[in-house]
Amino acid sequence: MAIEVKVPTLGESVTEATVGEWLKQPGEAVAVDEPICSLETDKVAVEVPSPVNGILSEHVVAVGDTVEVGALLARVEEGDAPAAKPKAKDDAPAPAATTTASPAPAPAASTEDAADLTLSPAVRRAVLEHGLDPSTIKGTGKDGRLTKEDVLAAAKAKKDGAPAPAATVEAPAPAASGDRRTERVKMTRLRQTIAKRLKGAQEEAALLTTFNDVDMTAVIEAREAYKDLFARKHGIKLGFMSFFAKASALALKDVPAVNAQIDGDEIVYHDYVDLSVAVSAPNGLVVPVVRNIDKMSFAEIELAIAGYGKKAKEGTLTMADMSGGTFTISNGGVFGSLMSTPIINPPQSAVLGLHRIEDRPVAVNGEVVIRPMMYIALSYDHRIIDGREAVTALKIIKEAIEDPMRMLIDL
């Protein structure tokens, strides 16, 4: 009997999605709860599982189609699926793929076997570009799947290893002199949403950015003194983000407008701090929310952020993980940024931008000394946040980082 597979409920206020990738093809065996399709919503990728054991008989929609909740996706002929082929000793399990990664395959003896692997478009392009065999690369994505970063790391390791012959079987033939190529790739639904939201923020909000610089000496010394004890007690490294999160909580309590938002002709103030932390994911920037960060310890903050980072890399963030948020921190410094003007995350009214730490000469007590300095930036909506309030909030953050004791005694 044919069983219909339909678009599941995608989350509050989310009514449609885009078909990102078919993980199973017609004629292939599927097990109950095994993902057969990946859907892209405005914020996350959602895997659609098979409701029964059987054979996938039909794709009703194609990759790139927009589908609404409840729409028919595919049909599965219910029945006993063929037994899986026994795995060799070194075989890896074959998990379902997502739109951003693909399975970690069992070792293959030929390029034909590798060609049969299900790879996402980005991973497939990277494999072909670098002339690699995907079956020889260890995946670090969800359930051991290959990511583009895995392929790039393998390509770098290959380049840094033993010298390769001038020409190899895997290497693509060099392009003829003067040959120029272009490639068109449809924007993912997530990337389209990011583009619309950021452009909308620029058009609607009265954006302004104020800057300051921070002497990171005290925080660096505190981390160095307590990092081992902290890690042993809490099972997580003590990072910079927890310091800036606690410092921001102090600032937002003292300057409520920076933690507020506009709703129609009203300003909504919050007596709590739900912190959106910008995290780089395979499909783009996502901002999961750490709730009530003003009441959390340093360890709780580090654990929460690390957990979201892992979920972002695996593509398992949910709509609930990213809903809400009253203030955002974006750390461009991890990519080497010296200074930037971050864009607010609507309907929030402010965002704190962190940047790289570098030794710079500064004047201290009339003497020039070398200190580890960081530029920090606060972009804000001038419609509800005055310049005095923005500068004051950023100054509180600066003072708390330069004298972390302020965070312990609430100054």
Protein backbone atom coordinates (compact mmCIF):
# COMPACT_ATOMS: atom_id res chain seq x y z
CA MET A 1 0.00 0.00 0.00
CA ALA A 2 1.32 3.45 -0.90
CA ILE A 3 1.81 5.73 2.10
CA GLU A 4 1.89 9.48 1.55
CA VAL A 5 4.76 11.57 3.00
CA LYS A 6 3.70 15.15 3.66
CA VAL A 7 5.37 18.36 4.80
CA PRO A 8 5.34 18.33 8.62
CA THR A 9 4.59 21.26 10.93
CA LEU A 10 7.64 23.50 10.65
CA GLY A 11 7.26 25.76 13.64
CA GLU A 12 5.26 28.74 14.81
CA SER A 13 4.37 31.13 11.96
CA VAL A 14 6.33 29.05 9.41
CA THR A 15 3.97 27.94 6.65
CA GLU A 16 6.24 26.94 3.79
CA ALA A 17 9.68 25.58 2.94
CA THR A 18 11.89 24.81 -0.04
CA VAL A 19 12.86 21.26 -1.02
CA GLY A 20 16.61 21.31 -0.44
CA GLU A 21 17.67 17.76 -1.24
CA TRP A 22 16.28 14.28 -1.79
CA LEU A 23 18.15 11.87 0.47
CA LYS A 24 16.47 8.81 -1.05
CA GLN A 25 15.65 8.08 -4.67
CA PRO A 26 12.66 6.17 -6.12
CA GLY A 27 13.27 2.44 -5.88
CA GLU A 28 15.47 2.68 -2.79
CA ALA A 29 14.60 0.94 0.46
CA VAL A 30 13.72 3.14 3.44
CA ALA A 31 13.30 2.34 7.11
CA VAL A 32 10.73 3.88 9.41
CA ASP A 33 11.95 7.28 10.68
CA GLU A 34 14.81 7.31 8.16
CA PRO A 35 15.12 10.79 6.59
CA ILE A 36 14.19 10.80 2.91
CA CYS A 37 14.10 14.54 2.23
CA SER A 38 15.58 17.77 3.56
CA LEU A 39 13.50 20.96 3.62
CA GLU A 40 14.91 24.46 4.03
CA THR A 41 12.89 27.00 6.01
CA ASP A 42 13.79 30.61 6.63
CA LYS A 43 16.02 29.60 9.53
CA VAL A 44 16.78 25.88 9.64
CA ALA A 45 16.96 22.71 7.59
CA VAL A 46 14.33 20.10 8.50
CA GLU A 47 14.64 16.41 7.68
CA VAL A 48 11.44 14.59 6.73
CA PRO A 49 11.43 10.92 7.81
CA SER A 50 9.67 7.96 6.25
CA PRO A 51 6.56 7.00 8.25
CA VAL A 52 6.97 3.28 7.43
CA ASN A 53 9.38 0.60 6.25
CA GLY A 54 9.23 0.09 2.53
CA ILE A 55 10.37 1.28 -0.89
CA LEU A 56 10.31 4.94 -1.95
CA SER A 57 8.11 4.81 -5.02
CA GLU A 58 7.76 8.43 -6.11
CA HIS A 59 8.98 12.01 -5.69
CA VAL A 60 5.97 14.28 -6.03
CA VAL A 61 7.99 17.52 -5.92
CA ALA A 62 11.46 18.47 -7.13
CA VAL A 63 14.49 20.05 -5.49
CA GLY A 64 13.97 23.82 -5.36
CA ASP A 65 10.15 23.63 -5.23
CA THR A 66 8.35 25.65 -2.56
CA VAL A 67 5.93 23.54 -0.52
CA GLU A 68 3.41 24.41 2.17
CA VAL A 69 2.78 22.58 5.44
CA GLY A 70 0.68 19.49 4.69
CA ALA A 71 1.66 19.32 1.01
CA LEU A 72 2.44 15.92 -0.51
CA LEU A 73 6.17 15.24 -0.91
CA ALA A 74 6.49 11.58 -1.82
CA ARG A 75 4.95 8.11 -1.64
CA VAL A 76 6.36 5.01 0.02
CA GLU A 77 5.20 1.48 -0.75
CA GLU A 78 4.83 -0.07 2.67
CA GLY A 79 6.45 -3.44 3.24
CA ASP A 80 9.54 -5.15 4.52
CA ALA A 81 12.60 -3.32 3.23
CA PRO A 82 15.41 -5.51 1.85
CA ALA A 83 17.95 -6.50 4.45
CA ALA A 84 20.97 -4.25 4.58
CA LYS A 85 24.15 -5.64 3.04
CA PRO A 86 26.53 -6.86 5.77
CA LYS A 87 29.14 -4.25 6.58
CA ALA A 88 32.82 -4.89 6.33
CA LYS A 89 34.88 -4.52 9.48
CA ASP A 90 35.96 -0.98 8.67
CA ASP A 91 32.63 0.16 7.21
CA ALA A 92 31.14 3.31 8.69
CA PRO A 93 27.37 3.61 9.24
CA ALA A 94 25.45 5.35 6.48
CA PRO A 95 23.46 8.10 8.19
CA ALA A 96 20.94 10.31 6.45
CA ALA A 97 22.26 13.43 4.79
CA THR A 98 21.23 17.04 5.26
CA THR A 99 21.37 19.97 2.89
CA THR A 100 24.78 20.90 4.22
CA ALA A 101 26.57 17.57 4.55
CA SER A 102 26.69 14.02 3.27
CA PRO A 103 27.34 10.56 4.70
CA ALA A 104 30.74 9.34 5.73
CA PRO A 105 30.99 6.44 3.26
CA ALA A 106 32.59 3.06 3.68
CA PRO A 107 36.02 2.66 2.10
CA ALA A 108 35.66 2.30 -1.65
CA ALA A 109 37.89 0.43 -4.04
CA SER A 110 36.98 2.40 -7.12
CA THR A 111 35.99 5.85 -8.29
CA GLU A 112 32.68 4.42 -9.51
CA ASP A 113 31.76 3.55 -5.89
CA ALA A 114 32.64 7.08 -4.77
CA ALA A 115 30.53 8.55 -7.55
CA ASP A 116 27.48 6.81 -6.12
CA LEU A 117 27.75 8.68 -2.78
CA THR A 118 25.08 11.24 -1.91
CA LEU A 119 26.93 14.54 -1.59
CA SER A 120 25.49 18.00 -1.13
CA PRO A 121 26.15 20.38 -4.05
CA ALA A 122 28.76 22.37 -2.11
CA VAL A 123 30.61 19.24 -1.00
CA ARG A 124 30.44 17.73 -4.49
CA ARG A 125 31.91 20.88 -6.06
CA ALA A 126 34.73 20.96 -3.50
CA VAL A 127 35.54 17.27 -4.07
CA LEU A 128 35.72 17.73 -7.84
CA GLU A 129 37.66 20.97 -7.59
CA HIS A 130 40.39 19.44 -5.46
CA GLY A 131 40.39 16.03 -7.14
CA LEU A 132 39.70 14.07 -3.93
CA ASP A 133 38.10 10.70 -3.23
CA PRO A 134 35.29 11.42 -0.71
CA SER A 135 35.44 7.86 0.63
CA THR A 136 38.89 8.60 2.07
CA ILE A 137 37.80 11.72 4.01
CA LYS A 138 36.58 11.51 7.59
CA GLY A 139 33.38 13.49 8.06
CA THR A 140 32.83 15.76 11.07
CA GLY A 141 29.23 16.73 10.37
CA LYS A 142 26.11 15.22 11.83
CA ASP A 143 26.53 11.45 12.27
CA GLY A 144 29.93 11.61 10.58
CA ARG A 145 28.79 13.25 7.36
CA LEU A 146 31.11 15.14 5.06
CA THR A 147 31.06 18.93 5.12
CA LYS A 148 32.72 21.38 2.77
CA GLU A 149 35.17 22.20 5.56
CA ASP A 150 36.17 18.51 5.75
CA VAL A 151 36.98 18.51 2.04
CA LEU A 152 38.98 21.75 2.25
CA ALA A 153 40.93 20.41 5.24
CA ALA A 154 41.72 17.20 3.33
CA ALA A 155 42.82 19.22 0.32
CA LYS A 156 45.13 21.30 2.51
CA ALA A 157 46.56 18.19 4.16
CA LYS A 158 47.17 16.68 0.74
CA LYS A 159 48.92 19.85 -0.40
CA ASP A 160 51.06 20.03 2.76
CA GLY A 161 51.97 16.34 2.67
CA ALA A 162 54.40 14.46 0.46
CA PRO A 163 55.04 16.18 -2.90
CA ALA A 164 52.56 15.02 -5.48
CA PRO A 165 53.54 14.19 -9.04
CA ALA A 166 53.06 16.87 -11.64
CA ALA A 167 49.90 15.17 -12.86
CA THR A 168 47.67 12.72 -11.01
CA VAL A 169 44.59 10.77 -11.93
CA GLU A 170 42.44 12.83 -9.60
CA ALA A 171 43.65 16.26 -10.68
CA PRO A 172 41.39 18.00 -13.20
CA ALA A 173 42.95 19.06 -16.48
CA PRO A 174 44.14 22.68 -16.37
CA ALA A 175 41.91 25.16 -18.13
CA ALA A 176 43.10 26.51 -21.43
CA SER A 177 44.81 29.87 -21.31
CA GLY A 178 42.24 32.64 -21.31
CA ASP A 179 39.35 30.26 -20.52
CA ARG A 180 36.84 31.94 -18.19
CA ARG A 181 33.92 30.22 -16.52
CA THR A 182 30.94 31.28 -14.46
CA GLU A 183 28.59 29.26 -12.29
CA ARG A 184 25.07 30.10 -11.17
CA VAL A 185 23.90 28.59 -7.88
CA LYS A 186 20.44 29.32 -6.55
CA MET A 187 20.47 31.04 -3.18
CA THR A 188 19.30 28.84 -0.34
CA ARG A 189 16.14 29.85 1.43
CA LEU A 190 18.20 30.70 4.52
CA ARG A 191 20.55 32.96 2.53
CA GLN A 192 17.57 34.70 0.89
CA THR A 193 16.05 35.33 4.31
CA ILE A 194 19.32 36.68 5.70
CA ALA A 195 19.58 39.04 2.73
CA LYS A 196 16.01 40.31 3.14
CA ARG A 197 16.28 40.80 6.90
CA LEU A 198 19.59 42.65 6.79
CA LYS A 199 18.46 44.89 3.93
CA GLY A 200 15.20 45.50 5.75
CA ALA A 201 17.10 46.51 8.89
CA GLN A 202 19.08 49.07 6.90
CA GLU A 203 15.97 50.51 5.27
CA GLU A 204 13.74 50.66 8.36
CA ALA A 205 16.03 51.37 11.30
CA ALA A 206 18.04 54.56 11.82
CA LEU A 207 21.33 52.72 12.16
CA LEU A 208 24.34 54.26 13.83
CA THR A 209 27.51 52.70 15.27
CA THR A 210 29.65 53.85 18.17
CA PHE A 211 33.15 52.46 18.82
CA ASN A 212 35.51 51.96 21.72
CA ASP A 213 38.60 49.92 22.42
CA VAL A 214 39.20 47.53 25.30
CA ASP A 215 42.36 46.52 27.10
CA MET A 216 42.01 42.73 27.34
CA THR A 217 44.87 42.28 29.83
CA ALA A 218 42.70 41.54 32.89
CA VAL A 219 40.48 39.03 31.10
CA ILE A 220 43.45 37.25 29.53
CA GLU A 221 45.17 37.01 32.92
CA ALA A 222 41.99 35.72 34.57
CA ARG A 223 41.57 33.04 31.91
CA GLU A 224 45.18 31.99 32.21
CA ALA A 225 44.98 31.77 36.00
CA TYR A 226 41.75 29.76 36.18
CA LYS A 227 41.43 27.94 32.85
CA ASP A 228 42.56 24.53 34.12
CA LEU A 229 40.48 24.62 37.29
CA PHE A 230 37.46 25.90 35.34
CA ALA A 231 37.75 23.14 32.74
CA ARG A 232 38.13 20.40 35.37
CA LYS A 233 35.12 21.61 37.36
CA HIS A 234 32.74 22.47 34.54
CA GLY A 235 33.95 20.39 31.59
CA ILE A 236 34.18 23.40 29.30
CA LYS A 237 36.87 25.95 28.44
CA LEU A 238 36.60 29.47 29.82
CA GLY A 239 36.23 31.68 26.75
CA PHE A 240 35.96 35.38 26.08
CA MET A 241 32.28 35.23 25.13
CA SER A 242 31.07 34.61 28.69
CA PHE A 243 32.91 37.75 29.88
CA PHE A 244 31.31 39.88 27.17
CA ALA A 245 27.90 38.30 27.81
CA LYS A 246 28.03 39.16 31.51
CA ALA A 247 29.38 42.65 30.76
CA SER A 248 26.55 43.20 28.27
CA ALA A 249 23.98 42.09 30.83
CA LEU A 250 25.29 44.76 33.21
CA ALA A 251 25.07 47.41 30.50
CA LEU A 252 21.56 46.43 29.40
CA LYS A 253 20.26 46.56 32.97
CA ASP A 254 21.68 50.06 33.41
CA VAL A 255 20.57 51.28 29.96
CA PRO A 256 17.19 49.56 29.29
CA ALA A 257 16.67 51.22 25.90
CA VAL A 258 19.51 49.15 24.41
CA ASN A 259 17.58 46.01 25.42
CA ALA A 260 14.25 47.28 24.08
CA GLN A 261 12.47 47.12 20.73
CA ILE A 262 9.85 49.00 18.75
CA ASP A 263 6.42 47.42 18.32
CA GLY A 264 4.19 49.70 16.24
CA ASP A 265 4.03 53.01 18.07
CA GLU A 266 5.16 51.48 21.38
CA ILE A 267 8.56 50.68 22.91
CA VAL A 268 8.78 47.28 24.59
CA TYR A 269 11.24 47.11 27.49
CA HIS A 270 12.50 43.78 28.87
CA ASP A 271 13.57 43.07 32.44
CA TYR A 272 15.53 40.04 31.24
CA VAL A 273 18.34 39.51 28.73
CA ASP A 274 17.88 36.86 26.03
CA LEU A 275 21.17 36.94 24.16
CA SER A 276 21.34 36.07 20.46
CA VAL A 277 24.81 34.75 19.67
CA ALA A 278 25.81 34.94 16.01
CA VAL A 279 27.17 31.53 14.95
CA SER A 280 28.62 30.58 11.58
CA ALA A 281 26.78 27.57 10.09
CA PRO A 282 27.39 25.76 6.77
CA ASN A 283 24.45 27.57 5.12
CA GLY A 284 25.10 31.00 6.61
CA LEU A 285 24.94 33.01 9.81
CA VAL A 286 22.44 31.88 12.44
CA VAL A 287 21.63 33.43 15.81
CA PRO A 288 20.50 30.94 18.48
CA VAL A 289 19.27 32.51 21.72
CA VAL A 290 20.68 31.95 25.21
CA ARG A 291 17.82 32.90 27.51
CA ASN A 292 18.05 34.74 30.83
CA ILE A 293 21.77 35.20 30.40
CA ASP A 294 21.74 37.86 33.13
CA LYS A 295 21.00 35.10 35.66
CA MET A 296 23.49 32.54 34.35
CA SER A 297 26.98 31.72 35.59
CA PHE A 298 30.07 31.90 33.39
CA ALA A 299 30.06 28.10 33.07
CA GLU A 300 26.37 27.97 32.12
CA ILE A 301 26.95 30.59 29.43
CA GLU A 302 29.97 28.77 27.97
CA LEU A 303 28.12 25.43 27.95
CA ALA A 304 25.04 26.93 26.29
CA ILE A 305 27.05 28.69 23.58
CA ALA A 306 29.19 25.60 22.90
CA GLY A 307 26.05 23.49 22.61
CA TYR A 308 24.53 25.86 20.06
CA GLY A 309 27.80 25.97 18.11
CA LYS A 310 27.79 22.18 17.86
CA LYS A 311 24.15 22.11 16.75
CA ALA A 312 24.82 24.81 14.14
CA LYS A 313 27.69 22.80 12.67
CA GLU A 314 25.54 19.66 12.59
CA GLY A 315 22.54 21.47 11.14
CA THR A 316 20.27 20.48 14.05
CA LEU A 317 19.21 23.90 15.32
CA THR A 318 15.45 24.22 15.71
CA MET A 319 13.11 27.16 15.23
CA ALA A 320 12.70 27.35 19.02
CA ASP A 321 16.48 27.69 19.43
CA MET A 322 16.46 30.88 17.37
CA SER A 323 13.19 32.53 18.35
CA GLY A 324 13.17 35.67 20.45
CA GLY A 325 16.30 37.41 21.61
CA THR A 326 16.63 40.94 22.98
CA PHE A 327 20.28 41.71 22.15
CA THR A 328 22.95 40.20 19.89
CA ILE A 329 26.71 39.66 20.12
CA SER A 330 28.60 39.00 16.88
CA ASN A 331 32.27 38.01 17.05
CA GLY A 332 33.98 38.83 13.78
CA GLY A 333 37.32 38.58 15.53
CA VAL A 334 37.38 34.79 15.14
CA PHE A 335 37.73 35.40 11.39
CA GLY A 336 40.39 38.11 11.82
CA SER A 337 38.22 41.24 11.61
CA LEU A 338 39.87 44.34 13.09
CA MET A 339 36.80 46.59 12.98
CA SER A 340 33.27 46.48 11.56
CA THR A 341 29.81 48.02 11.81
CA PRO A 342 27.47 45.12 12.59
CA ILE A 343 23.83 45.29 11.52
CA ILE A 344 21.09 44.86 14.13
CA ASN A 345 18.99 41.71 14.19
CA PRO A 346 15.35 42.94 13.89
CA PRO A 347 13.25 43.50 15.90
CA GLN A 348 16.16 44.03 18.30
CA SER A 349 17.56 47.53 18.59
CA ALA A 350 21.28 46.93 19.18
CA VAL A 351 24.14 44.54 18.45
CA LEU A 352 27.63 44.33 19.95
CA GLY A 353 30.46 43.57 17.54
CA LEU A 354 33.68 41.97 18.83
CA HIS A 355 36.94 41.93 16.89
CA ARG A 356 40.39 40.43 16.95
CA ILE A 357 42.82 41.04 19.79
CA GLU A 358 46.16 42.51 18.79
CA ASP A 359 49.09 44.02 20.65
CA ARG A 360 49.12 47.80 20.25
CA PRO A 361 51.01 50.66 21.89
CA VAL A 362 48.80 52.60 24.32
CA ALA A 363 49.42 55.32 26.89
CA VAL A 364 49.07 54.14 30.51
CA ASN A 365 49.89 56.54 33.37
CA GLY A 366 51.86 58.73 31.01
CA GLU A 367 53.93 55.90 29.55
CA VAL A 368 53.64 54.05 26.26
CA VAL A 369 53.15 50.32 26.83
CA ILE A 370 52.15 47.37 24.67
CA ARG A 371 48.75 45.93 25.56
CA PRO A 372 46.39 43.34 23.99
CA MET A 373 43.64 45.57 22.61
CA MET A 374 40.29 44.92 20.97
CA TYR A 375 38.00 47.32 19.14
CA ILE A 376 34.34 46.89 20.08
CA ALA A 377 31.37 48.36 18.23
CA LEU A 378 27.75 48.93 19.20
CA SER A 379 25.35 49.40 16.29
CA TYR A 380 21.96 50.69 17.41
CA ASP A 381 18.59 51.96 16.21
CA HIS A 382 18.71 55.71 16.76
CA ARG A 383 14.90 55.85 16.70
CA ILE A 384 14.75 54.64 20.32
CA ILE A 385 18.37 54.73 21.52
CA ASP A 386 20.02 58.12 21.95
CA GLY A 387 23.72 58.55 21.35
CA ARG A 388 24.33 59.16 25.06
CA GLU A 389 22.65 55.84 25.94
CA ALA A 390 24.59 53.90 23.30
CA VAL A 391 27.95 55.39 24.34
CA THR A 392 27.16 54.79 28.01
CA ALA A 393 26.26 51.14 27.40
CA LEU A 394 29.44 50.51 25.43
CA LYS A 395 31.51 52.26 28.10
CA ILE A 396 30.01 50.00 30.80
CA ILE A 397 30.98 46.95 28.74
CA LYS A 398 34.52 48.31 28.30
CA GLU A 399 34.93 49.01 32.02
CA ALA A 400 33.60 45.59 33.02
CA ILE A 401 36.03 43.81 30.70
CA GLU A 402 38.99 45.89 31.84
CA ASP A 403 38.05 45.30 35.50
CA PRO A 404 36.17 41.95 35.69
CA MET A 405 35.58 42.42 39.43
CA ARG A 406 32.79 44.82 38.42
CA MET A 407 30.84 41.83 37.08
CA LEU A 408 31.09 40.05 40.42
CA ILE A 409 29.91 42.99 42.52
CA ASP A 410 27.42 44.35 39.95
CA LEU A 411 29.00 47.73 39.17
